[in-house]
Amino acid sequence: MPETERLLQALRDSGCAEEAAAEICSLCSEGRYEEMLRRMRKQRCDLVERMHESQQRVDRMDWLIHMQEKQIR
């Protein structure tokens, strides 16, 4: 498997959007490594933000469970 295909698959596996993954691979193929790294860091920030949003939803669900348990008992 060529290097760009491995990079593309790794980006997909990391949760990178298809369009962003293709752009990152294109930047790599063009030798625009600094821009590629900036784009990858942006994707990482987006993933962290989604993780925080997910954690907030889990926290809300925990609170709802706790409140329902209090009412039942």
Protein backbone atom coordinates (compact mmCIF):
# COMPACT_ATOMS: atom_id res chain seq x y z
CA MET A 1 0.00 0.00 0.00
CA PRO A 2 1.52 3.35 -1.00
CA GLU A 3 2.39 5.83 1.73
CA THR A 4 -0.41 8.26 0.86
CA GLU A 5 -2.98 5.45 0.99
CA ARG A 6 -1.70 4.43 4.43
CA LEU A 7 -1.91 8.05 5.57
CA LEU A 8 -5.43 8.38 4.17
CA GLN A 9 -6.57 5.20 5.94
CA ALA A 10 -4.95 6.27 9.21
CA LEU A 11 -6.70 9.64 9.00
CA ARG A 12 -10.03 7.94 8.37
CA ASP A 13 -9.42 5.56 11.26
CA SER A 14 -8.71 8.59 13.46
CA GLY A 15 -12.13 10.03 12.71
CA CYS A 16 -10.97 12.61 10.21
CA ALA A 17 -13.64 13.77 7.77
CA GLU A 18 -13.14 12.41 4.24
CA GLU A 19 -12.68 15.86 2.71
CA ALA A 20 -10.10 16.88 5.33
CA ALA A 21 -8.27 13.55 4.99
CA ALA A 22 -8.05 13.97 1.21
CA GLU A 23 -6.78 17.54 1.64
CA ILE A 24 -4.11 16.42 4.12
CA CYS A 25 -2.95 13.68 1.75
CA SER A 26 -2.84 16.14 -1.12
CA LEU A 27 -0.70 18.53 0.92
CA CYS A 28 1.63 15.65 1.79
CA SER A 29 1.93 14.60 -1.87
CA GLU A 30 2.73 18.19 -2.82
CA GLY A 31 5.45 18.38 -0.18
CA ARG A 32 3.59 21.10 1.74
CA TYR A 33 4.43 19.52 5.07
CA GLU A 34 4.01 22.52 7.37
CA GLU A 35 0.54 23.18 5.99
CA MET A 36 -0.23 19.46 6.24
CA LEU A 37 0.78 19.45 9.91
CA ARG A 38 -1.31 22.56 10.60
CA ARG A 39 -4.33 20.85 9.04
CA MET A 40 -3.70 17.69 11.06
CA ARG A 41 -3.47 19.74 14.27
CA LYS A 42 -6.76 21.41 13.37
CA GLN A 43 -8.34 17.98 12.96
CA ARG A 44 -6.95 16.97 16.35
CA CYS A 45 -8.50 20.07 17.95
CA ASP A 46 -11.82 19.19 16.33
CA LEU A 47 -11.60 15.65 17.73
CA VAL A 48 -10.85 16.97 21.22
CA GLU A 49 -13.82 19.32 20.98
CA ARG A 50 -16.10 16.44 19.97
CA MET A 51 -14.72 14.41 22.87
CA HIS A 52 -15.56 17.22 25.30
CA GLU A 53 -19.06 17.51 23.88
CA SER A 54 -19.52 13.76 24.31
CA GLN A 55 -18.28 13.95 27.89
CA GLN A 56 -20.82 16.70 28.63
CA ARG A 57 -23.61 14.49 27.30
CA VAL A 58 -22.41 11.59 29.47
CA ASP A 59 -22.28 13.90 32.50
CA ARG A 60 -25.85 15.06 31.81
CA MET A 61 -27.02 11.47 31.50
CA ASP A 62 -25.30 10.59 34.79
CA TRP A 63 -27.09 13.49 36.45
CA LEU A 64 -30.46 12.39 35.02
CA ILE A 65 -29.89 8.84 36.25
CA HIS A 66 -28.96 10.13 39.68
CA MET A 67 -32.06 12.32 39.87
CA GLN A 68 -34.34 9.47 38.77
CA GLU A 69 -32.79 7.11 41.32
CA LYS A 70 -33.44 9.69 44.04
CA GLN A 71 -37.12 9.92 43.06
CA ILE A 72 -37.57 6.15 43.00
CA ARG A 73 -36.04 5.55 46.42
